[in-house]
N, C-alpha and C. Protein backbone atom coordinates (compact mmCIF):
# COMPACT_ATOMS: atom_id res chain seq x y z
N MET A 1 196.02 19.36 52.76
CA MET A 1 194.95 18.40 52.86
C MET A 1 194.42 18.08 51.47
N ASP A 2 194.22 16.81 51.20
CA ASP A 2 193.77 16.39 49.88
C ASP A 2 192.27 16.55 49.68
N LYS A 3 191.51 16.34 50.75
CA LYS A 3 190.06 16.37 50.62
C LYS A 3 189.50 17.58 51.33
N LYS A 4 188.47 18.15 50.74
CA LYS A 4 187.80 19.30 51.36
C LYS A 4 187.00 18.80 52.56
N LEU A 5 187.18 19.46 53.67
CA LEU A 5 186.45 19.11 54.88
C LEU A 5 185.04 19.66 54.82
N ARG A 6 184.15 19.03 55.55
CA ARG A 6 182.78 19.50 55.65
C ARG A 6 182.30 19.23 57.08
N TYR A 7 181.17 19.76 57.41
CA TYR A 7 180.59 19.56 58.73
C TYR A 7 179.09 19.39 58.59
N THR A 8 178.47 18.92 59.65
CA THR A 8 177.01 18.87 59.68
C THR A 8 176.55 19.60 60.94
N LEU A 9 175.43 20.19 60.83
CA LEU A 9 174.85 20.93 61.95
C LEU A 9 173.35 20.72 61.88
N MET A 10 172.79 20.20 62.96
CA MET A 10 171.35 19.97 63.00
C MET A 10 170.79 20.73 64.20
N LEU A 11 169.83 21.57 63.95
CA LEU A 11 169.26 22.40 65.01
C LEU A 11 167.93 21.84 65.48
N ARG A 12 167.82 21.72 66.79
CA ARG A 12 166.58 21.23 67.40
C ARG A 12 166.17 22.21 68.49
N VAL A 13 164.88 22.35 68.68
CA VAL A 13 164.33 23.20 69.74
C VAL A 13 163.83 22.27 70.84
N TYR A 14 164.22 22.59 72.06
CA TYR A 14 163.85 21.77 73.22
C TYR A 14 163.02 22.58 74.19
N GLY A 15 162.11 21.89 74.86
CA GLY A 15 161.42 22.38 76.04
C GLY A 15 161.88 21.42 77.12
N GLU A 16 160.96 20.69 77.70
CA GLU A 16 161.33 19.61 78.62
C GLU A 16 161.98 18.47 77.83
N GLU A 17 161.61 18.35 76.55
CA GLU A 17 162.15 17.33 75.67
C GLU A 17 162.27 17.94 74.28
N LYS A 18 162.82 17.17 73.33
CA LYS A 18 162.92 17.67 71.96
C LYS A 18 161.52 17.90 71.42
N ILE A 19 161.28 19.11 70.90
CA ILE A 19 159.93 19.40 70.39
C ILE A 19 159.91 19.81 68.92
N PHE A 20 161.04 20.23 68.38
CA PHE A 20 161.00 20.70 66.99
C PHE A 20 162.40 20.60 66.39
N GLY A 21 162.46 20.10 65.16
CA GLY A 21 163.73 19.99 64.47
C GLY A 21 163.49 19.83 62.99
N PRO A 22 164.52 19.43 62.26
CA PRO A 22 164.39 19.33 60.80
C PRO A 22 163.35 18.32 60.35
N GLY A 23 163.14 17.25 61.10
CA GLY A 23 162.16 16.24 60.70
C GLY A 23 160.73 16.75 60.72
N ILE A 24 160.35 17.37 61.82
CA ILE A 24 158.98 17.90 61.91
C ILE A 24 158.81 19.10 60.98
N ALA A 25 159.88 19.86 60.78
CA ALA A 25 159.80 20.99 59.84
C ALA A 25 159.49 20.47 58.43
N GLU A 26 160.20 19.42 58.03
CA GLU A 26 159.95 18.83 56.71
C GLU A 26 158.53 18.25 56.64
N LEU A 27 158.11 17.59 57.70
CA LEU A 27 156.76 17.03 57.74
C LEU A 27 155.71 18.12 57.53
N LEU A 28 155.85 19.23 58.27
CA LEU A 28 154.89 20.32 58.14
C LEU A 28 154.92 20.95 56.76
N GLU A 29 156.11 21.08 56.17
CA GLU A 29 156.21 21.62 54.81
C GLU A 29 155.50 20.70 53.81
N ARG A 30 155.65 19.41 54.02
CA ARG A 30 154.98 18.46 53.11
C ARG A 30 153.46 18.48 53.31
N VAL A 31 153.01 18.68 54.54
CA VAL A 31 151.57 18.83 54.78
C VAL A 31 151.06 20.05 54.02
N GLU A 32 151.81 21.13 54.06
CA GLU A 32 151.40 22.34 53.32
C GLU A 32 151.31 22.06 51.83
N GLN A 33 152.23 21.26 51.31
CA GLN A 33 152.23 20.95 49.87
C GLN A 33 151.12 19.98 49.48
N THR A 34 150.90 18.97 50.31
CA THR A 34 149.97 17.90 49.95
C THR A 34 148.58 18.07 50.55
N HIS A 35 148.46 18.95 51.55
CA HIS A 35 147.20 19.16 52.28
C HIS A 35 146.74 17.89 52.98
N SER A 36 147.72 17.05 53.37
CA SER A 36 147.38 15.78 54.01
C SER A 36 148.54 15.30 54.87
N LEU A 37 148.26 15.00 56.13
CA LEU A 37 149.28 14.43 56.99
C LEU A 37 149.63 13.02 56.50
N ARG A 38 148.64 12.28 56.09
CA ARG A 38 148.90 10.91 55.60
C ARG A 38 149.81 10.93 54.38
N LYS A 39 149.53 11.79 53.41
CA LYS A 39 150.37 11.87 52.20
C LYS A 39 151.78 12.32 52.56
N ALA A 40 151.88 13.26 53.48
CA ALA A 40 153.20 13.74 53.91
C ALA A 40 154.02 12.61 54.52
N THR A 41 153.36 11.78 55.34
CA THR A 41 154.08 10.67 55.97
C THR A 41 154.50 9.63 54.93
N LEU A 42 153.63 9.37 53.96
CA LEU A 42 153.99 8.43 52.89
C LEU A 42 155.19 8.93 52.10
N ASP A 43 155.20 10.23 51.78
CA ASP A 43 156.33 10.84 51.06
C ASP A 43 157.64 10.68 51.81
N MET A 44 157.55 10.73 53.13
CA MET A 44 158.75 10.68 53.97
C MET A 44 159.09 9.26 54.42
N GLY A 45 158.23 8.30 54.13
CA GLY A 45 158.46 6.95 54.61
C GLY A 45 158.34 6.84 56.12
N MET A 46 157.43 7.62 56.68
CA MET A 46 157.24 7.67 58.12
C MET A 46 155.87 7.09 58.46
N ALA A 47 155.80 6.39 59.58
CA ALA A 47 154.53 5.85 60.04
C ALA A 47 153.61 7.01 60.44
N TYR A 48 152.34 6.91 60.05
CA TYR A 48 151.37 7.94 60.38
C TYR A 48 151.28 8.14 61.90
N SER A 49 151.32 7.04 62.64
CA SER A 49 151.22 7.13 64.11
C SER A 49 152.41 7.89 64.70
N LYS A 50 153.58 7.71 64.12
CA LYS A 50 154.77 8.44 64.60
C LYS A 50 154.61 9.92 64.30
N ALA A 51 154.17 10.25 63.11
CA ALA A 51 153.98 11.66 62.74
C ALA A 51 152.96 12.32 63.66
N TRP A 52 151.86 11.63 63.91
CA TRP A 52 150.82 12.16 64.78
C TRP A 52 151.37 12.42 66.17
N ARG A 53 152.17 11.47 66.69
CA ARG A 53 152.77 11.61 68.02
C ARG A 53 153.75 12.80 68.06
N ILE A 54 154.56 12.95 67.03
CA ILE A 54 155.53 14.05 66.96
C ILE A 54 154.81 15.39 66.95
N VAL A 55 153.78 15.49 66.13
CA VAL A 55 153.01 16.74 66.04
C VAL A 55 152.33 17.05 67.37
N LYS A 56 151.69 16.07 67.97
CA LYS A 56 150.99 16.29 69.25
C LYS A 56 151.97 16.66 70.36
N THR A 57 153.14 16.04 70.41
CA THR A 57 154.16 16.38 71.41
C THR A 57 154.60 17.83 71.25
N ALA A 58 154.84 18.24 70.01
CA ALA A 58 155.24 19.62 69.73
C ALA A 58 154.13 20.60 70.10
N GLU A 59 152.91 20.28 69.72
CA GLU A 59 151.78 21.17 70.03
C GLU A 59 151.61 21.34 71.54
N ASN A 60 151.70 20.24 72.27
CA ASN A 60 151.55 20.32 73.73
C ASN A 60 152.66 21.17 74.35
N ALA A 61 153.88 21.00 73.89
CA ALA A 61 155.01 21.75 74.43
C ALA A 61 154.95 23.23 74.04
N LEU A 62 154.52 23.51 72.82
CA LEU A 62 154.48 24.89 72.34
C LEU A 62 153.25 25.64 72.85
N GLY A 63 152.19 24.91 73.13
CA GLY A 63 150.99 25.55 73.64
C GLY A 63 150.04 26.07 72.56
N PHE A 64 150.24 25.63 71.33
CA PHE A 64 149.32 26.00 70.25
C PHE A 64 149.32 24.89 69.20
N PRO A 65 148.22 24.78 68.45
CA PRO A 65 148.14 23.75 67.42
C PRO A 65 149.01 24.11 66.21
N LEU A 66 149.64 23.11 65.63
CA LEU A 66 150.42 23.30 64.41
C LEU A 66 149.58 23.00 63.17
N LEU A 67 148.65 22.05 63.32
CA LEU A 67 147.83 21.62 62.19
C LEU A 67 146.35 21.76 62.47
N GLU A 68 145.61 22.05 61.41
CA GLU A 68 144.14 22.00 61.43
C GLU A 68 143.77 20.84 60.52
N SER A 69 142.89 20.00 60.97
CA SER A 69 142.45 18.85 60.17
C SER A 69 140.97 18.97 59.89
N SER A 70 140.59 18.48 58.71
CA SER A 70 139.17 18.35 58.39
C SER A 70 138.92 16.90 58.02
N VAL A 71 137.75 16.42 58.36
CA VAL A 71 137.42 15.01 58.18
C VAL A 71 136.59 14.82 56.92
N GLY A 72 136.96 13.80 56.13
CA GLY A 72 136.20 13.33 54.96
C GLY A 72 135.27 14.31 54.30
N GLY A 73 134.16 13.82 53.89
CA GLY A 73 133.16 14.65 53.22
C GLY A 73 133.32 14.60 51.71
N LYS A 74 132.61 15.48 51.04
CA LYS A 74 132.55 15.51 49.58
C LYS A 74 133.94 15.65 48.94
N GLY A 75 134.71 16.59 49.42
CA GLY A 75 136.04 16.81 48.85
C GLY A 75 137.13 16.03 49.55
N GLY A 76 136.77 15.18 50.51
CA GLY A 76 137.76 14.43 51.27
C GLY A 76 138.29 15.27 52.42
N GLY A 77 138.99 14.63 53.31
CA GLY A 77 139.58 15.32 54.46
C GLY A 77 140.86 16.01 54.05
N GLY A 78 141.52 16.57 55.04
CA GLY A 78 142.77 17.23 54.74
C GLY A 78 143.37 17.86 55.98
N ALA A 79 144.52 18.43 55.79
CA ALA A 79 145.22 19.10 56.88
C ALA A 79 145.96 20.30 56.32
N LYS A 80 146.11 21.30 57.17
CA LYS A 80 146.90 22.47 56.80
C LYS A 80 147.50 23.05 58.07
N LEU A 81 148.52 23.86 57.89
CA LEU A 81 149.15 24.50 59.04
C LEU A 81 148.26 25.62 59.57
N THR A 82 148.26 25.76 60.88
CA THR A 82 147.58 26.89 61.50
C THR A 82 148.46 28.13 61.30
N GLU A 83 147.91 29.30 61.53
CA GLU A 83 148.72 30.52 61.41
C GLU A 83 149.90 30.51 62.39
N PRO A 84 149.69 30.16 63.69
CA PRO A 84 150.85 30.07 64.59
C PRO A 84 151.85 29.00 64.13
N GLY A 85 151.34 27.92 63.56
CA GLY A 85 152.22 26.88 63.03
C GLY A 85 153.08 27.39 61.89
N LYS A 86 152.47 28.15 60.98
CA LYS A 86 153.22 28.74 59.87
C LYS A 86 154.29 29.69 60.38
N ARG A 87 153.92 30.54 61.36
CA ARG A 87 154.88 31.50 61.90
C ARG A 87 156.04 30.78 62.59
N PHE A 88 155.74 29.72 63.35
CA PHE A 88 156.80 29.00 64.05
C PHE A 88 157.72 28.30 63.05
N LEU A 89 157.14 27.66 62.04
CA LEU A 89 157.93 26.99 61.02
C LEU A 89 158.83 28.00 60.29
N THR A 90 158.27 29.15 59.94
CA THR A 90 159.06 30.20 59.28
C THR A 90 160.20 30.67 60.17
N ALA A 91 159.90 30.90 61.45
CA ALA A 91 160.94 31.34 62.39
C ALA A 91 162.04 30.29 62.52
N TYR A 92 161.64 29.02 62.61
CA TYR A 92 162.62 27.94 62.72
C TYR A 92 163.51 27.90 61.48
N ARG A 93 162.92 27.98 60.29
CA ARG A 93 163.71 27.92 59.05
C ARG A 93 164.62 29.15 58.93
N ARG A 94 164.15 30.31 59.36
CA ARG A 94 164.99 31.52 59.34
C ARG A 94 166.16 31.36 60.31
N PHE A 95 165.88 30.88 61.53
CA PHE A 95 166.91 30.63 62.52
C PHE A 95 167.95 29.66 61.97
N GLU A 96 167.47 28.58 61.38
CA GLU A 96 168.34 27.57 60.79
C GLU A 96 169.25 28.18 59.72
N SER A 97 168.68 29.01 58.88
CA SER A 97 169.43 29.64 57.80
C SER A 97 170.52 30.58 58.33
N VAL A 98 170.17 31.39 59.32
CA VAL A 98 171.14 32.33 59.90
C VAL A 98 172.27 31.57 60.60
N VAL A 99 171.92 30.56 61.37
CA VAL A 99 172.94 29.79 62.10
C VAL A 99 173.85 29.07 61.11
N HIS A 100 173.29 28.47 60.07
CA HIS A 100 174.12 27.79 59.07
C HIS A 100 175.04 28.76 58.34
N ALA A 101 174.54 29.93 58.00
CA ALA A 101 175.38 30.92 57.32
C ALA A 101 176.56 31.32 58.21
N TYR A 102 176.29 31.56 59.49
CA TYR A 102 177.34 31.92 60.42
C TYR A 102 178.31 30.74 60.60
N ALA A 103 177.78 29.54 60.74
CA ALA A 103 178.62 28.36 60.91
C ALA A 103 179.51 28.13 59.68
N ASP A 104 178.98 28.36 58.49
CA ASP A 104 179.78 28.23 57.27
C ASP A 104 180.97 29.19 57.30
N GLU A 105 180.71 30.41 57.70
CA GLU A 105 181.77 31.42 57.81
C GLU A 105 182.86 30.98 58.78
N ILE A 106 182.46 30.61 59.97
CA ILE A 106 183.40 30.21 61.01
C ILE A 106 184.13 28.93 60.62
N PHE A 107 183.42 27.98 60.02
CA PHE A 107 184.07 26.74 59.60
C PHE A 107 185.16 27.04 58.58
N GLU A 108 184.85 27.90 57.63
CA GLU A 108 185.84 28.26 56.60
C GLU A 108 187.04 28.94 57.26
N GLU A 109 186.79 29.80 58.20
CA GLU A 109 187.86 30.49 58.92
C GLU A 109 188.74 29.49 59.68
N MET A 110 188.13 28.53 60.32
CA MET A 110 188.86 27.57 61.16
C MET A 110 189.48 26.42 60.37
N PHE A 111 188.81 25.97 59.31
CA PHE A 111 189.23 24.77 58.62
C PHE A 111 189.41 24.93 57.10
N GLY A 112 189.38 26.18 56.62
CA GLY A 112 189.49 26.43 55.18
C GLY A 112 190.81 25.95 54.61
N GLU A 113 190.91 26.01 53.30
CA GLU A 113 192.08 25.50 52.56
C GLU A 113 193.40 26.09 53.05
N ASP A 114 193.44 27.35 53.36
CA ASP A 114 194.70 27.99 53.73
C ASP A 114 195.00 27.95 55.22
N THR A 115 194.21 27.22 55.99
CA THR A 115 194.35 27.21 57.44
C THR A 115 195.54 26.34 57.88
N TYR A 116 195.80 25.24 57.17
CA TYR A 116 196.84 24.31 57.62
C TYR A 116 197.99 24.25 56.67
């Protein structure tokens, strides 16, 4: 084979519907960095209303809040992850890492250079 093969793997968590995946994980990480859901959505080129809907859908399905918001005031408003939100995001990223590492191993075994 002339070209090295590659694969993609995207992990999503489902309840009754899709509730968590790489998009919301990135959104929450950006909220942690910027302390703002609005700034996070701007960074990602995502509509604020879509981000709000995604977060609320996930929160309802998971049964706990992912974000804490504060409104305006002297220092301005902001958002941050709740403790359960941080734990869930960490668990998701760890799960993603372990699955990708295993998938890399198996892919190399099945489709590596010396396979064909």
